[in-house]
Amino acid sequence: SQQQQQQQQLPALPGSTNSDAKEYVSEPRDTDIFSNRGRNAFRHPGNQRFREIILEFIEPYQNAKSRHEKTSTVDEAYERILDYGGR
């Protein structure tokens, strides 16, 4: 049914070129990041990779002396996620 199709389409992270644009994903890839809870999301390869990247950036973020440094750290993590195809 149409309602089931809509439920299966997951909104992806907007691209850096146009943050107002939305992309809907009908077939998730291994690089996708799921924002829902549960075992399936936790075990999904994209979520595992996401957690690894976030762990790399926790210490630099916590040690940042200014809001600008924190923002730069978050931007670096986000770029790393996009570089491997995360969405």
C-alpha atoms as a PDB file:
ATOM      1  CA  SER A   1       0.000   0.000   0.000  1.00  0.00           C
ATOM      2  CA  GLN A   2       1.000   3.636  -0.339  1.00  0.00           C
ATOM      3  CA  GLN A   3       1.166   4.060   3.444  1.00  0.00           C
ATOM      4  CA  GLN A   4       3.645   1.158   3.725  1.00  0.00           C
ATOM      5  CA  GLN A   5       5.806   2.677   0.977  1.00  0.00           C
ATOM      6  CA  GLN A   6       5.878   6.014   2.791  1.00  0.00           C
ATOM      7  CA  GLN A   7       6.890   4.309   6.038  1.00  0.00           C
ATOM      8  CA  GLN A   8       9.735   2.498   4.266  1.00  0.00           C
ATOM      9  CA  GLN A   9      11.147   5.714   2.820  1.00  0.00           C
ATOM     10  CA  LEU A  10      13.690   7.092   5.243  1.00  0.00           C
ATOM     11  CA  PRO A  11      14.698  10.751   5.074  1.00  0.00           C
ATOM     12  CA  ALA A  12      18.415  11.140   4.500  1.00  0.00           C
ATOM     13  CA  LEU A  13      20.777  13.835   5.692  1.00  0.00           C
ATOM     14  CA  PRO A  14      20.478  16.838   3.411  1.00  0.00           C
ATOM     15  CA  GLY A  15      23.452  17.474   1.157  1.00  0.00           C
ATOM     16  CA  SER A  16      25.781  20.343   1.852  1.00  0.00           C
ATOM     17  CA  THR A  17      24.736  22.158  -1.341  1.00  0.00           C
ATOM     18  CA  ASN A  18      21.110  22.726  -0.387  1.00  0.00           C
ATOM     19  CA  SER A  19      20.122  22.032   3.205  1.00  0.00           C
ATOM     20  CA  ASP A  20      16.423  22.568   2.402  1.00  0.00           C
ATOM     21  CA  ALA A  21      16.342  19.691  -0.093  1.00  0.00           C
ATOM     22  CA  LYS A  22      15.189  16.298   1.171  1.00  0.00           C
ATOM     23  CA  GLU A  23      16.131  12.978  -0.279  1.00  0.00           C
ATOM     24  CA  TYR A  24      14.039   9.908   0.474  1.00  0.00           C
ATOM     25  CA  VAL A  25      15.642   6.509   0.576  1.00  0.00           C
ATOM     26  CA  SER A  26      13.612   3.493  -0.470  1.00  0.00           C
ATOM     27  CA  GLU A  27      16.503   1.015  -0.277  1.00  0.00           C
ATOM     28  CA  PRO A  28      18.997   1.675   2.538  1.00  0.00           C
ATOM     29  CA  ARG A  29      22.706   1.166   1.883  1.00  0.00           C
ATOM     30  CA  ASP A  30      25.327  -0.173   4.281  1.00  0.00           C
ATOM     31  CA  THR A  31      26.646   3.375   4.643  1.00  0.00           C
ATOM     32  CA  ASP A  32      23.303   4.849   5.745  1.00  0.00           C
ATOM     33  CA  ILE A  33      22.751   5.942   9.338  1.00  0.00           C
ATOM     34  CA  PHE A  34      19.462   5.053  11.013  1.00  0.00           C
ATOM     35  CA  SER A  35      18.221   7.378  13.718  1.00  0.00           C
ATOM     36  CA  ASN A  36      15.780   4.909  15.231  1.00  0.00           C
ATOM     37  CA  ARG A  37      16.367   2.725  18.273  1.00  0.00           C
ATOM     38  CA  GLY A  38      16.684  -1.004  18.549  1.00  0.00           C
ATOM     39  CA  ARG A  39      18.914  -3.914  17.700  1.00  0.00           C
ATOM     40  CA  ASN A  40      18.605  -3.586  13.913  1.00  0.00           C
ATOM     41  CA  ALA A  41      19.721   0.046  13.925  1.00  0.00           C
ATOM     42  CA  PHE A  42      22.499  -0.684  16.426  1.00  0.00           C
ATOM     43  CA  ARG A  43      23.884  -3.522  14.289  1.00  0.00           C
ATOM     44  CA  HIS A  44      23.520  -1.732  10.953  1.00  0.00           C
ATOM     45  CA  PRO A  45      26.992  -1.225   9.346  1.00  0.00           C
ATOM     46  CA  GLY A  46      26.377   2.488   8.759  1.00  0.00           C
ATOM     47  CA  ASN A  47      25.540   3.024  12.417  1.00  0.00           C
ATOM     48  CA  GLN A  48      28.598   1.047  13.523  1.00  0.00           C
ATOM     49  CA  ARG A  49      30.812   3.210  11.330  1.00  0.00           C
ATOM     50  CA  PHE A  50      29.067   6.338  12.617  1.00  0.00           C
ATOM     51  CA  ARG A  51      29.822   5.373  16.232  1.00  0.00           C
ATOM     52  CA  GLU A  52      33.487   4.736  15.373  1.00  0.00           C
ATOM     53  CA  ILE A  53      33.809   8.195  13.827  1.00  0.00           C
ATOM     54  CA  ILE A  54      32.057   9.878  16.735  1.00  0.00           C
ATOM     55  CA  LEU A  55      34.406   8.142  19.182  1.00  0.00           C
ATOM     56  CA  GLU A  56      37.378   9.601  17.282  1.00  0.00           C
ATOM     57  CA  PHE A  57      36.032  13.118  17.719  1.00  0.00           C
ATOM     58  CA  ILE A  58      34.821  13.017  21.345  1.00  0.00           C
ATOM     59  CA  GLU A  59      38.155  13.940  22.901  1.00  0.00           C
ATOM     60  CA  PRO A  60      38.961  16.800  20.492  1.00  0.00           C
ATOM     61  CA  TYR A  61      35.437  18.144  21.023  1.00  0.00           C
ATOM     62  CA  GLN A  62      35.706  17.962  24.807  1.00  0.00           C
ATOM     63  CA  ASN A  63      39.145  19.608  24.750  1.00  0.00           C
ATOM     64  CA  ALA A  64      38.060  22.431  22.450  1.00  0.00           C
ATOM     65  CA  LYS A  65      38.548  25.809  24.121  1.00  0.00           C
ATOM     66  CA  SER A  66      35.948  27.782  22.178  1.00  0.00           C
ATOM     67  CA  ARG A  67      32.601  27.381  20.491  1.00  0.00           C
ATOM     68  CA  HIS A  68      34.398  27.887  17.145  1.00  0.00           C
ATOM     69  CA  GLU A  69      36.722  24.927  17.867  1.00  0.00           C
ATOM     70  CA  LYS A  70      33.754  22.759  18.853  1.00  0.00           C
ATOM     71  CA  THR A  71      31.913  23.709  15.660  1.00  0.00           C
ATOM     72  CA  SER A  72      35.001  22.917  13.576  1.00  0.00           C
ATOM     73  CA  THR A  73      35.279  19.517  15.241  1.00  0.00           C
ATOM     74  CA  VAL A  74      31.647  18.698  14.514  1.00  0.00           C
ATOM     75  CA  ASP A  75      32.101  19.870  10.906  1.00  0.00           C
ATOM     76  CA  GLU A  76      35.111  17.557  10.520  1.00  0.00           C
ATOM     77  CA  ALA A  77      33.135  14.585  11.842  1.00  0.00           C
ATOM     78  CA  TYR A  78      30.236  15.396   9.525  1.00  0.00           C
ATOM     79  CA  GLU A  79      32.578  15.655   6.516  1.00  0.00           C
ATOM     80  CA  ARG A  80      34.130  12.294   7.400  1.00  0.00           C
ATOM     81  CA  ILE A  81      30.679  10.724   7.462  1.00  0.00           C
ATOM     82  CA  LEU A  82      29.804  12.235   4.075  1.00  0.00           C
ATOM     83  CA  ASP A  83      33.188  11.160   2.626  1.00  0.00           C
ATOM     84  CA  TYR A  84      32.434   7.472   3.177  1.00  0.00           C
ATOM     85  CA  GLY A  85      28.932   7.844   1.744  1.00  0.00           C
ATOM     86  CA  GLY A  86      26.978   8.218   4.960  1.00  0.00           C
ATOM     87  CA  ARG A  87      23.608   9.862   4.729  1.00  0.00           C
END
